[in-house]
Amino acid sequence: MSIIYIVFGIIGLIVLVLVVYLVWYFWETRPRRPKEEGYRYVWVEDDGSAREVTDDERKYLETEFLPDDGARPYIKTRYEMLDGWGSIAGFLPRRQLPESISVAPASSKSTTKVR
């Protein structure tokens, strides 16, 4: 009889951990701003500001890549994510950008460093 309690306890613990993880995941990846006009992605600069993507960057984002291709664009899932170099810069889905950060227009001088 006690083995049944142990098994149910282990299953319950696994379910609890899974539920906590799913709540955390959905909280972290929730949309942070309402739907708005503009391209689906924005570029986050090293200083944390954001701007629209340029036409060349948009073309790069829309290029089809193989899953293991090292030339794929780095697309962050959360604003706070850092890349392998510790930089906050990268492409981000527009809806993941915090509402407090405004999106500047794309500059013709903008050059994204593709890493």
PDB file of N, CA and C in Angstrom:
ATOM      1  N   MET A   1       0.822  -1.198   0.000  1.00  0.00           N
ATOM      2  CA  MET A   1       0.000   0.000   0.000  1.00  0.00           C
ATOM      3  C   MET A   1       0.867   1.263   0.000  1.00  0.00           C
ATOM      4  N   SER A   2       1.971   1.246   0.735  1.00  0.00           N
ATOM      5  CA  SER A   2       2.811   2.441   0.806  1.00  0.00           C
ATOM      6  C   SER A   2       3.529   2.702  -0.518  1.00  0.00           C
ATOM      7  N   ILE A   3       3.772   1.669  -1.305  1.00  0.00           N
ATOM      8  CA  ILE A   3       4.410   1.868  -2.606  1.00  0.00           C
ATOM      9  C   ILE A   3       3.496   2.685  -3.524  1.00  0.00           C
ATOM     10  N   ILE A   4       2.192   2.493  -3.383  1.00  0.00           N
ATOM     11  CA  ILE A   4       1.237   3.258  -4.193  1.00  0.00           C
ATOM     12  C   ILE A   4       1.328   4.737  -3.827  1.00  0.00           C
ATOM     13  N   TYR A   5       1.435   5.049  -2.545  1.00  0.00           N
ATOM     14  CA  TYR A   5       1.559   6.437  -2.112  1.00  0.00           C
ATOM     15  C   TYR A   5       2.851   7.070  -2.629  1.00  0.00           C
ATOM     16  N   ILE A   6       3.912   6.296  -2.646  1.00  0.00           N
ATOM     17  CA  ILE A   6       5.191   6.805  -3.154  1.00  0.00           C
ATOM     18  C   ILE A   6       5.086   7.099  -4.650  1.00  0.00           C
ATOM     19  N   VAL A   7       4.489   6.171  -5.402  1.00  0.00           N
ATOM     20  CA  VAL A   7       4.336   6.359  -6.848  1.00  0.00           C
ATOM     21  C   VAL A   7       3.468   7.582  -7.133  1.00  0.00           C
ATOM     22  N   PHE A   8       2.322   7.694  -6.441  1.00  0.00           N
ATOM     23  CA  PHE A   8       1.451   8.859  -6.640  1.00  0.00           C
ATOM     24  C   PHE A   8       2.142  10.146  -6.204  1.00  0.00           C
ATOM     25  N   GLY A   9       2.969  10.076  -5.179  1.00  0.00           N
ATOM     26  CA  GLY A   9       3.726  11.250  -4.735  1.00  0.00           C
ATOM     27  C   GLY A   9       4.720  11.704  -5.789  1.00  0.00           C
ATOM     28  N   ILE A  10       5.408  10.752  -6.397  1.00  0.00           N
ATOM     29  CA  ILE A  10       6.379  11.080  -7.451  1.00  0.00           C
ATOM     30  C   ILE A  10       5.652  11.648  -8.670  1.00  0.00           C
ATOM     31  N   ILE A  11       4.539  11.021  -9.060  1.00  0.00           N
ATOM     32  CA  ILE A  11       3.763  11.524 -10.199  1.00  0.00           C
ATOM     33  C   ILE A  11       3.233  12.926  -9.895  1.00  0.00           C
ATOM     34  N   GLY A  12       2.745  13.126  -8.690  1.00  0.00           N
ATOM     35  CA  GLY A  12       2.247  14.442  -8.296  1.00  0.00           C
ATOM     36  C   GLY A  12       3.339  15.498  -8.341  1.00  0.00           C
ATOM     37  N   LEU A  13       4.542  15.146  -7.895  1.00  0.00           N
ATOM     38  CA  LEU A  13       5.668  16.074  -7.925  1.00  0.00           C
ATOM     39  C   LEU A  13       6.036  16.432  -9.369  1.00  0.00           C
ATOM     40  N   ILE A  14       6.051  15.445 -10.245  1.00  0.00           N
ATOM     41  CA  ILE A  14       6.355  15.691 -11.655  1.00  0.00           C
ATOM     42  C   ILE A  14       5.301  16.616 -12.264  1.00  0.00           C
ATOM     43  N   VAL A  15       4.029  16.354 -11.986  1.00  0.00           N
ATOM     44  CA  VAL A  15       2.948  17.201 -12.506  1.00  0.00           C
ATOM     45  C   VAL A  15       3.086  18.621 -11.959  1.00  0.00           C
ATOM     46  N   LEU A  16       3.392  18.769 -10.680  1.00  0.00           N
ATOM     47  CA  LEU A  16       3.562  20.093 -10.083  1.00  0.00           C
ATOM     48  C   LEU A  16       4.710  20.858 -10.739  1.00  0.00           C
ATOM     49  N   VAL A  17       5.834  20.201 -10.947  1.00  0.00           N
ATOM     50  CA  VAL A  17       6.976  20.842 -11.599  1.00  0.00           C
ATOM     51  C   VAL A  17       6.605  21.248 -13.022  1.00  0.00           C
ATOM     52  N   LEU A  18       5.911  20.396 -13.738  1.00  0.00           N
ATOM     53  CA  LEU A  18       5.493  20.702 -15.107  1.00  0.00           C
ATOM     54  C   LEU A  18       4.544  21.904 -15.140  1.00  0.00           C
ATOM     55  N   VAL A  19       3.591  21.956 -14.233  1.00  0.00           N
ATOM     56  CA  VAL A  19       2.643  23.080 -14.182  1.00  0.00           C
ATOM     57  C   VAL A  19       3.374  24.378 -13.851  1.00  0.00           C
ATOM     58  N   VAL A  20       4.282  24.348 -12.880  1.00  0.00           N
ATOM     59  CA  VAL A  20       5.045  25.550 -12.524  1.00  0.00           C
ATOM     60  C   VAL A  20       5.880  26.015 -13.713  1.00  0.00           C
ATOM     61  N   TYR A  21       6.532  25.092 -14.413  1.00  0.00           N
ATOM     62  CA  TYR A  21       7.322  25.458 -15.586  1.00  0.00           C
ATOM     63  C   TYR A  21       6.448  26.086 -16.664  1.00  0.00           C
ATOM     64  N   LEU A  22       5.288  25.499 -16.949  1.00  0.00           N
ATOM     65  CA  LEU A  22       4.404  26.042 -17.987  1.00  0.00           C
ATOM     66  C   LEU A  22       3.889  27.428 -17.620  1.00  0.00           C
ATOM     67  N   VAL A  23       3.529  27.647 -16.364  1.00  0.00           N
ATOM     68  CA  VAL A  23       3.094  28.974 -15.929  1.00  0.00           C
ATOM     69  C   VAL A  23       4.224  29.973 -16.120  1.00  0.00           C
ATOM     70  N   TRP A  24       5.440  29.621 -15.703  1.00  0.00           N
ATOM     71  CA  TRP A  24       6.592  30.511 -15.866  1.00  0.00           C
ATOM     72  C   TRP A  24       6.843  30.794 -17.347  1.00  0.00           C
ATOM     73  N   TYR A  25       6.824  29.767 -18.192  1.00  0.00           N
ATOM     74  CA  TYR A  25       7.094  29.927 -19.616  1.00  0.00           C
ATOM     75  C   TYR A  25       6.086  30.868 -20.265  1.00  0.00           C
ATOM     76  N   PHE A  26       4.791  30.633 -20.011  1.00  0.00           N
ATOM     77  CA  PHE A  26       3.770  31.485 -20.622  1.00  0.00           C
ATOM     78  C   PHE A  26       3.813  32.905 -20.076  1.00  0.00           C
ATOM     79  N   TRP A  27       4.231  33.067 -18.827  1.00  0.00           N
ATOM     80  CA  TRP A  27       4.383  34.414 -18.277  1.00  0.00           C
ATOM     81  C   TRP A  27       5.540  35.140 -18.956  1.00  0.00           C
ATOM     82  N   GLU A  28       6.648  34.476 -19.165  1.00  0.00           N
ATOM     83  CA  GLU A  28       7.823  35.078 -19.779  1.00  0.00           C
ATOM     84  C   GLU A  28       7.626  35.391 -21.262  1.00  0.00           C
ATOM     85  N   THR A  29       6.823  34.617 -21.955  1.00  0.00           N
ATOM     86  CA  THR A  29       6.662  34.808 -23.402  1.00  0.00           C
ATOM     87  C   THR A  29       5.337  35.478 -23.761  1.00  0.00           C
ATOM     88  N   ARG A  30       4.657  36.045 -22.789  1.00  0.00           N
ATOM     89  CA  ARG A  30       3.389  36.732 -23.059  1.00  0.00           C
ATOM     90  C   ARG A  30       3.639  37.970 -23.912  1.00  0.00           C
ATOM     91  N   PRO A  31       2.668  38.380 -24.728  1.00  0.00           N
ATOM     92  CA  PRO A  31       2.817  39.634 -25.463  1.00  0.00           C
ATOM     93  C   PRO A  31       2.888  40.805 -24.481  1.00  0.00           C
ATOM     94  N   ARG A  32       3.813  41.719 -24.714  1.00  0.00           N
ATOM     95  CA  ARG A  32       4.002  42.846 -23.811  1.00  0.00           C
ATOM     96  C   ARG A  32       3.420  44.143 -24.349  1.00  0.00           C
ATOM     97  N   ARG A  33       2.953  44.114 -25.572  1.00  0.00           N
ATOM     98  CA  ARG A  33       2.327  45.312 -26.133  1.00  0.00           C
ATOM     99  C   ARG A  33       1.219  44.873 -27.067  1.00  0.00           C
ATOM    100  N   PRO A  34       0.223  45.748 -27.279  1.00  0.00           N
ATOM    101  CA  PRO A  34      -0.885  45.380 -28.170  1.00  0.00           C
ATOM    102  C   PRO A  34      -0.414  45.292 -29.614  1.00  0.00           C
ATOM    103  N   LYS A  35      -1.241  44.658 -30.419  1.00  0.00           N
ATOM    104  CA  LYS A  35      -0.921  44.608 -31.856  1.00  0.00           C
ATOM    105  C   LYS A  35      -0.861  46.017 -32.388  1.00  0.00           C
ATOM    106  N   GLU A  36       0.123  46.275 -33.230  1.00  0.00           N
ATOM    107  CA  GLU A  36       0.293  47.608 -33.802  1.00  0.00           C
ATOM    108  C   GLU A  36       0.815  47.483 -35.214  1.00  0.00           C
ATOM    109  N   GLU A  37       0.781  48.586 -35.914  1.00  0.00           N
ATOM    110  CA  GLU A  37       1.280  48.623 -37.285  1.00  0.00           C
ATOM    111  C   GLU A  37       2.790  48.399 -37.285  1.00  0.00           C
ATOM    112  N   GLY A  38       3.269  47.900 -38.386  1.00  0.00           N
ATOM    113  CA  GLY A  38       4.706  47.709 -38.537  1.00  0.00           C
ATOM    114  C   GLY A  38       5.048  46.260 -38.776  1.00  0.00           C
ATOM    115  N   TYR A  39       6.312  46.059 -39.094  1.00  0.00           N
ATOM    116  CA  TYR A  39       6.800  44.711 -39.380  1.00  0.00           C
ATOM    117  C   TYR A  39       6.774  43.874 -38.111  1.00  0.00           C
ATOM    118  N   ARG A  40       6.739  42.589 -38.271  1.00  0.00           N
ATOM    119  CA  ARG A  40       6.607  41.642 -37.169  1.00  0.00           C
ATOM    120  C   ARG A  40       7.774  41.711 -36.178  1.00  0.00           C
ATOM    121  N   TYR A  41       8.968  42.079 -36.665  1.00  0.00           N
ATOM    122  CA  TYR A  41      10.157  42.129 -35.815  1.00  0.00           C
ATOM    123  C   TYR A  41      10.692  43.547 -35.713  1.00  0.00           C
ATOM    124  N   VAL A  42      11.404  43.808 -34.621  1.00  0.00           N
ATOM    125  CA  VAL A  42      12.151  45.054 -34.442  1.00  0.00           C
ATOM    126  C   VAL A  42      13.584  44.670 -34.114  1.00  0.00           C
ATOM    127  N   TRP A  43      14.487  45.640 -34.221  1.00  0.00           N
ATOM    128  CA  TRP A  43      15.877  45.413 -33.859  1.00  0.00           C
ATOM    129  C   TRP A  43      16.126  46.104 -32.530  1.00  0.00           C
ATOM    130  N   VAL A  44      16.630  45.364 -31.549  1.00  0.00           N
ATOM    131  CA  VAL A  44      16.995  45.920 -30.254  1.00  0.00           C
ATOM    132  C   VAL A  44      18.478  46.260 -30.310  1.00  0.00           C
ATOM    133  N   GLU A  45      18.799  47.504 -29.995  1.00  0.00           N
ATOM    134  CA  GLU A  45      20.190  47.973 -30.014  1.00  0.00           C
ATOM    135  C   GLU A  45      20.911  47.554 -28.739  1.00  0.00           C
ATOM    136  N   ASP A  46      22.239  47.721 -28.720  1.00  0.00           N
ATOM    137  CA  ASP A  46      23.042  47.379 -27.545  1.00  0.00           C
ATOM    138  C   ASP A  46      22.639  48.164 -26.305  1.00  0.00           C
ATOM    139  N   ASP A  47      22.113  49.369 -26.481  1.00  0.00           N
ATOM    140  CA  ASP A  47      21.714  50.190 -25.332  1.00  0.00           C
ATOM    141  C   ASP A  47      20.293  49.884 -24.863  1.00  0.00           C
ATOM    142  N   GLY A  48      19.601  48.933 -25.500  1.00  0.00           N
ATOM    143  CA  GLY A  48      18.257  48.547 -25.096  1.00  0.00           C
ATOM    144  C   GLY A  48      17.154  49.257 -25.856  1.00  0.00           C
ATOM    145  N   SER A  49      17.499  50.255 -26.668  1.00  0.00           N
ATOM    146  CA  SER A  49      16.487  50.934 -27.477  1.00  0.00           C
ATOM    147  C   SER A  49      16.106  50.031 -28.653  1.00  0.00           C
ATOM    148  N   ALA A  50      15.023  50.389 -29.328  1.00  0.00           N
ATOM    149  CA  ALA A  50      14.554  49.561 -30.442  1.00  0.00           C
ATOM    150  C   ALA A  50      14.281  50.436 -31.654  1.00  0.00           C
ATOM    151  N   ARG A  51      14.409  49.833 -32.821  1.00  0.00           N
ATOM    152  CA  ARG A  51      14.116  50.530 -34.069  1.00  0.00           C
ATOM    153  C   ARG A  51      13.482  49.546 -35.041  1.00  0.00           C
ATOM    154  N   GLU A  52      12.849  50.104 -36.049  1.00  0.00           N
ATOM    155  CA  GLU A  52      12.286  49.281 -37.120  1.00  0.00           C
ATOM    156  C   GLU A  52      13.434  48.602 -37.862  1.00  0.00           C
ATOM    157  N   VAL A  53      13.146  47.477 -38.496  1.00  0.00           N
ATOM    158  CA  VAL A  53      14.170  46.813 -39.295  1.00  0.00           C
ATOM    159  C   VAL A  53      14.246  47.483 -40.661  1.00  0.00           C
ATOM    160  N   THR A  54      15.425  47.462 -41.246  1.00  0.00           N
ATOM    161  CA  THR A  54      15.619  48.034 -42.579  1.00  0.00           C
ATOM    162  C   THR A  54      15.103  47.041 -43.629  1.00  0.00           C
ATOM    163  N   ASP A  55      15.040  47.478 -44.865  1.00  0.00           N
ATOM    164  CA  ASP A  55      14.592  46.587 -45.944  1.00  0.00           C
ATOM    165  C   ASP A  55      15.527  45.394 -46.108  1.00  0.00           C
ATOM    166  N   ASP A  56      16.846  45.631 -45.985  1.00  0.00           N
ATOM    167  CA  ASP A  56      17.805  44.529 -46.098  1.00  0.00           C
ATOM    168  C   ASP A  56      17.634  43.525 -44.955  1.00  0.00           C
ATOM    169  N   GLU A  57      17.414  44.028 -43.754  1.00  0.00           N
ATOM    170  CA  GLU A  57      17.209  43.140 -42.603  1.00  0.00           C
ATOM    171  C   GLU A  57      15.912  42.349 -42.761  1.00  0.00           C
ATOM    172  N   ARG A  58      14.898  42.994 -43.290  1.00  0.00           N
ATOM    173  CA  ARG A  58      13.627  42.307 -43.507  1.00  0.00           C
ATOM    174  C   ARG A  58      13.808  41.171 -44.515  1.00  0.00           C
ATOM    175  N   LYS A  59      14.545  41.446 -45.570  1.00  0.00           N
ATOM    176  CA  LYS A  59      14.827  40.417 -46.572  1.00  0.00           C
ATOM    177  C   LYS A  59      15.604  39.257 -45.923  1.00  0.00           C
ATOM    178  N   TYR A  60      16.558  39.588 -45.081  1.00  0.00           N
ATOM    179  CA  TYR A  60      17.346  38.573 -44.371  1.00  0.00           C
ATOM    180  C   TYR A  60      16.444  37.735 -43.459  1.00  0.00           C
ATOM    181  N   LEU A  61      15.529  38.384 -42.746  1.00  0.00           N
ATOM    182  CA  LEU A  61      14.618  37.660 -41.857  1.00  0.00           C
ATOM    183  C   LEU A  61      13.665  36.760 -42.620  1.00  0.00           C
ATOM    184  N   GLU A  62      13.327  37.138 -43.827  1.00  0.00           N
ATOM    185  CA  GLU A  62      12.385  36.358 -44.619  1.00  0.00           C
ATOM    186  C   GLU A  62      13.054  35.286 -45.470  1.00  0.00           C
ATOM    187  N   THR A  63      14.378  35.244 -45.448  1.00  0.00           N
ATOM    188  CA  THR A  63      15.119  34.211 -46.181  1.00  0.00           C
ATOM    189  C   THR A  63      14.918  32.868 -45.493  1.00  0.00           C
ATOM    190  N   GLU A  64      14.727  31.837 -46.284  1.00  0.00           N
ATOM    191  CA  GLU A  64      14.545  30.499 -45.732  1.00  0.00           C
ATOM    192  C   GLU A  64      15.907  29.871 -45.440  1.00  0.00           C
ATOM    193  N   PHE A  65      16.091  29.398 -44.220  1.00  0.00           N
ATOM    194  CA  PHE A  65      17.332  28.763 -43.799  1.00  0.00           C
ATOM    195  C   PHE A  65      17.035  27.358 -43.309  1.00  0.00           C
ATOM    196  N   LEU A  66      18.025  26.485 -43.384  1.00  0.00           N
ATOM    197  CA  LEU A  66      17.913  25.171 -42.776  1.00  0.00           C
ATOM    198  C   LEU A  66      18.047  25.335 -41.265  1.00  0.00           C
ATOM    199  N   PRO A  67      17.446  24.440 -40.476  1.00  0.00           N
ATOM    200  CA  PRO A  67      17.484  24.597 -39.019  1.00  0.00           C
ATOM    201  C   PRO A  67      18.894  24.660 -38.426  1.00  0.00           C
ATOM    202  N   ASP A  68      19.866  23.964 -39.029  1.00  0.00           N
ATOM    203  CA  ASP A  68      21.221  23.951 -38.462  1.00  0.00           C
ATOM    204  C   ASP A  68      22.170  24.921 -39.168  1.00  0.00           C
ATOM    205  N   ASP A  69      21.626  25.834 -39.950  1.00  0.00           N
ATOM    206  CA  ASP A  69      22.439  26.796 -40.694  1.00  0.00           C
ATOM    207  C   ASP A  69      22.929  27.891 -39.745  1.00  0.00           C
ATOM    208  N   GLY A  70      24.224  28.069 -39.661  1.00  0.00           N
ATOM    209  CA  GLY A  70      24.806  29.075 -38.781  1.00  0.00           C
ATOM    210  C   GLY A  70      24.573  30.496 -39.243  1.00  0.00           C
ATOM    211  N   ALA A  71      24.083  30.688 -40.449  1.00  0.00           N
ATOM    212  CA  ALA A  71      23.828  32.033 -40.968  1.00  0.00           C
ATOM    213  C   ALA A  71      22.419  32.524 -40.651  1.00  0.00           C
ATOM    214  N   ARG A  72      21.621  31.697 -39.952  1.00  0.00           N
ATOM    215  CA  ARG A  72      20.266  32.115 -39.596  1.00  0.00           C
ATOM    216  C   ARG A  72      20.317  33.347 -38.709  1.00  0.00           C
ATOM    217  N   PRO A  73      19.293  34.187 -38.791  1.00  0.00           N
ATOM    218  CA  PRO A  73      19.264  35.359 -37.905  1.00  0.00           C
ATOM    219  C   PRO A  73      19.018  34.944 -36.460  1.00  0.00           C
ATOM    220  N   TYR A  74      19.603  35.702 -35.542  1.00  0.00           N
ATOM    221  CA  TYR A  74      19.381  35.479 -34.117  1.00  0.00           C
ATOM    222  C   TYR A  74      18.100  36.212 -33.740  1.00  0.00           C
ATOM    223  N   ILE A  75      17.059  35.472 -33.390  1.00  0.00           N
ATOM    224  CA  ILE A  75      15.786  36.069 -33.004  1.00  0.00           C
ATOM    225  C   ILE A  75      15.531  35.725 -31.545  1.00  0.00           C
ATOM    226  N   LYS A  76      15.513  36.757 -30.727  1.00  0.00           N
ATOM    227  CA  LYS A  76      15.301  36.577 -29.300  1.00  0.00           C
ATOM    228  C   LYS A  76      13.834  36.262 -29.025  1.00  0.00           C
ATOM    229  N   THR A  77      13.564  35.514 -27.960  1.00  0.00           N
ATOM    230  CA  THR A  77      12.179  35.251 -27.586  1.00  0.00           C
ATOM    231  C   THR A  77      11.707  36.209 -26.499  1.00  0.00           C
ATOM    232  N   ARG A  78      12.655  36.809 -25.770  1.00  0.00           N
ATOM    233  CA  ARG A  78      12.335  37.779 -24.725  1.00  0.00           C
ATOM    234  C   ARG A  78      13.270  38.972 -24.851  1.00  0.00           C
ATOM    235  N   TYR A  79      12.794  40.134 -24.452  1.00  0.00           N
ATOM    236  CA  TYR A  79      13.587  41.358 -24.540  1.00  0.00           C
ATOM    237  C   TYR A  79      14.884  41.233 -23.736  1.00  0.00           C
ATOM    238  N   GLU A  80      14.822  40.628 -22.568  1.00  0.00           N
ATOM    239  CA  GLU A  80      15.977  40.561 -21.671  1.00  0.00           C
ATOM    240  C   GLU A  80      17.050  39.565 -22.098  1.00  0.00           C
ATOM    241  N   MET A  81      16.782  38.728 -23.049  1.00  0.00           N
ATOM    242  CA  MET A  81      17.749  37.700 -23.453  1.00  0.00           C
ATOM    243  C   MET A  81      19.040  38.315 -23.974  1.00  0.00           C
ATOM    244  N   LEU A  82      20.142  37.695 -23.594  1.00  0.00           N
ATOM    245  CA  LEU A  82      21.454  38.117 -24.076  1.00  0.00           C
ATOM    246  C   LEU A  82      21.961  37.079 -25.060  1.00  0.00           C
ATOM    247  N   ASP A  83      22.763  37.526 -26.024  1.00  0.00           N
ATOM    248  CA  ASP A  83      23.342  36.565 -26.965  1.00  0.00           C
ATOM    249  C   ASP A  83      24.609  35.964 -26.352  1.00  0.00           C
ATOM    250  N   GLY A  84      25.312  35.178 -27.102  1.00  0.00           N
ATOM    251  CA  GLY A  84      26.509  34.511 -26.613  1.00  0.00           C
ATOM    252  C   GLY A  84      27.633  35.448 -26.216  1.00  0.00           C
ATOM    253  N   TRP A  85      27.572  36.681 -26.655  1.00  0.00           N
ATOM    254  CA  TRP A  85      28.591  37.678 -26.333  1.00  0.00           C
ATOM    255  C   TRP A  85      28.156  38.581 -25.183  1.00  0.00           C
ATOM    256  N   GLY A  86      26.982  38.321 -24.609  1.00  0.00           N
ATOM    257  CA  GLY A  86      26.487  39.121 -23.504  1.00  0.00           C
ATOM    258  C   GLY A  86      25.801  40.410 -23.928  1.00  0.00           C
ATOM    259  N   SER A  87      25.442  40.515 -25.192  1.00  0.00           N
ATOM    260  CA  SER A  87      24.810  41.714 -25.717  1.00  0.00           C
ATOM    261  C   SER A  87      23.290  41.525 -25.765  1.00  0.00           C
ATOM    262  N   ILE A  88      22.562  42.589 -25.510  1.00  0.00           N
ATOM    263  CA  ILE A  88      21.096  42.541 -25.576  1.00  0.00           C
ATOM    264  C   ILE A  88      20.605  42.734 -27.008  1.00  0.00           C
ATOM    265  N   ALA A  89      21.490  43.125 -27.907  1.00  0.00           N
ATOM    266  CA  ALA A  89      21.107  43.417 -29.294  1.00  0.00           C
ATOM    267  C   ALA A  89      20.611  42.164 -30.007  1.00  0.00           C
ATOM    268  N   GLY A  90      19.638  42.366 -30.887  1.00  0.00           N
ATOM    269  CA  GLY A  90      19.129  41.265 -31.693  1.00  0.00           C
ATOM    270  C   GLY A  90      17.735  41.551 -32.191  1.00  0.00           C
ATOM    271  N   PHE A  91      17.264  40.710 -33.089  1.00  0.00           N
ATOM    272  CA  PHE A  91      15.903  40.816 -33.580  1.00  0.00           C
ATOM    273  C   PHE A  91      14.958  40.289 -32.505  1.00  0.00           C
ATOM    274  N   LEU A  92      13.814  40.948 -32.383  1.00  0.00           N
ATOM    275  CA  LEU A  92      12.834  40.582 -31.366  1.00  0.00           C
ATOM    276  C   LEU A  92      11.436  40.714 -31.955  1.00  0.00           C
ATOM    277  N   PRO A  93      10.543  39.751 -31.699  1.00  0.00           N
ATOM    278  CA  PRO A  93       9.164  39.954 -32.141  1.00  0.00           C
ATOM    279  C   PRO A  93       8.615  41.242 -31.523  1.00  0.00           C
ATOM    280  N   ARG A  94       7.981  42.050 -32.337  1.00  0.00           N
ATOM    281  CA  ARG A  94       7.495  43.364 -31.905  1.00  0.00           C
ATOM    282  C   ARG A  94       6.639  43.271 -30.639  1.00  0.00           C
ATOM    283  N   ARG A  95       5.799  42.259 -30.541  1.00  0.00           N
ATOM    284  CA  ARG A  95       4.898  42.146 -29.388  1.00  0.00           C
ATOM    285  C   ARG A  95       5.624  41.786 -28.107  1.00  0.00           C
ATOM    286  N   GLN A  96       6.896  41.371 -28.184  1.00  0.00           N
ATOM    287  CA  GLN A  96       7.673  41.058 -26.989  1.00  0.00           C
ATOM    288  C   GLN A  96       8.423  42.270 -26.443  1.00  0.00           C
ATOM    289  N   LEU A  97       8.410  43.359 -27.172  1.00  0.00           N
ATOM    290  CA  LEU A  97       9.074  44.584 -26.734  1.00  0.00           C
ATOM    291  C   LEU A  97       8.216  45.244 -25.653  1.00  0.00           C
ATOM    292  N   PRO A  98       8.803  45.592 -24.502  1.00  0.00           N
ATOM    293  CA  PRO A  98       8.014  46.254 -23.460  1.00  0.00           C
ATOM    294  C   PRO A  98       7.368  47.539 -23.987  1.00  0.00           C
ATOM    295  N   GLU A  99       6.158  47.835 -23.505  1.00  0.00           N
ATOM    296  CA  GLU A  99       5.412  49.011 -23.969  1.00  0.00           C
ATOM    297  C   GLU A  99       6.149  50.309 -23.688  1.00  0.00           C
ATOM    298  N   SER A 100       6.978  50.322 -22.653  1.00  0.00           N
ATOM    299  CA  SER A 100       7.677  51.555 -22.272  1.00  0.00           C
ATOM    300  C   SER A 100       8.780  51.933 -23.257  1.00  0.00           C
ATOM    301  N   ILE A 101       9.134  51.036 -24.157  1.00  0.00           N
ATOM    302  CA  ILE A 101      10.200  51.309 -25.121  1.00  0.00           C
ATOM    303  C   ILE A 101       9.571  51.641 -26.473  1.00  0.00           C
ATOM    304  N   SER A 102       9.868  52.828 -26.957  1.00  0.00           N
ATOM    305  CA  SER A 102       9.312  53.227 -28.249  1.00  0.00           C
ATOM    306  C   SER A 102      10.178  52.668 -29.380  1.00  0.00           C
ATOM    307  N   VAL A 103       9.563  52.529 -30.523  1.00  0.00           N
ATOM    308  CA  VAL A 103      10.252  51.982 -31.694  1.00  0.00           C
ATOM    309  C   VAL A 103      10.608  53.137 -32.618  1.00  0.00           C
ATOM    310  N   ALA A 104      11.901  53.357 -32.801  1.00  0.00           N
ATOM    311  CA  ALA A 104      12.386  54.424 -33.677  1.00  0.00           C
ATOM    312  C   ALA A 104      12.299  53.959 -35.126  1.00  0.00           C
ATOM    313  N   PRO A 105      12.207  54.903 -36.058  1.00  0.00           N
ATOM    314  CA  PRO A 105      12.199  54.507 -37.473  1.00  0.00           C
ATOM    315  C   PRO A 105      13.544  53.916 -37.888  1.00  0.00           C
ATOM    316  N   ALA A 106      13.519  53.106 -38.917  1.00  0.00           N
ATOM    317  CA  ALA A 106      14.753  52.517 -39.444  1.00  0.00           C
ATOM    318  C   ALA A 106      15.571  53.615 -40.100  1.00  0.00           C
ATOM    319  N   SER A 107      16.844  53.616 -39.822  1.00  0.00           N
ATOM    320  CA  SER A 107      17.745  54.599 -40.412  1.00  0.00           C
ATOM    321  C   SER A 107      18.441  53.982 -41.604  1.00  0.00           C
ATOM    322  N   SER A 108      18.687  54.782 -42.612  1.00  0.00           N
ATOM    323  CA  SER A 108      19.409  54.266 -43.784  1.00  0.00           C
ATOM    324  C   SER A 108      20.853  53.947 -43.409  1.00  0.00           C
ATOM    325  N   LYS A 109      21.342  54.523 -42.303  1.00  0.00           N
ATOM    326  CA  LYS A 109      22.703  54.264 -41.848  1.00  0.00           C
ATOM    327  C   LYS A 109      22.789  53.019 -40.982  1.00  0.00           C
ATOM    328  N   SER A 110      21.631  52.480 -40.576  1.00  0.00           N
ATOM    329  CA  SER A 110      21.612  51.335 -39.676  1.00  0.00           C
ATOM    330  C   SER A 110      22.298  50.138 -40.308  1.00  0.00           C
ATOM    331  N   THR A 111      23.217  49.581 -39.587  1.00  0.00           N
ATOM    332  CA  THR A 111      23.890  48.374 -40.060  1.00  0.00           C
ATOM    333  C   THR A 111      23.882  47.365 -38.934  1.00  0.00           C
ATOM    334  N   THR A 112      23.177  46.300 -39.133  1.00  0.00           N
ATOM    335  CA  THR A 112      23.108  45.251 -38.151  1.00  0.00           C
ATOM    336  C   THR A 112      24.314  44.353 -38.304  1.00  0.00           C
ATOM    337  N   LYS A 113      25.003  44.092 -37.207  1.00  0.00           N
ATOM    338  CA  LYS A 113      26.121  43.178 -37.237  1.00  0.00           C
ATOM    339  C   LYS A 113      25.576  41.767 -37.142  1.00  0.00           C
ATOM    340  N   VAL A 114      25.661  41.012 -38.195  1.00  0.00           N
ATOM    341  CA  VAL A 114      25.220  39.637 -38.197  1.00  0.00           C
ATOM    342  C   VAL A 114      26.357  38.809 -37.633  1.00  0.00           C
ATOM    343  N   ARG A 115      26.057  38.122 -36.540  1.00  0.00           N
ATOM    344  CA  ARG A 115      27.120  37.374 -35.855  1.00  0.00           C
ATOM    345  C   ARG A 115      27.058  35.942 -36.214  1.00  0.00           C
TER     346      ARG A 115
END
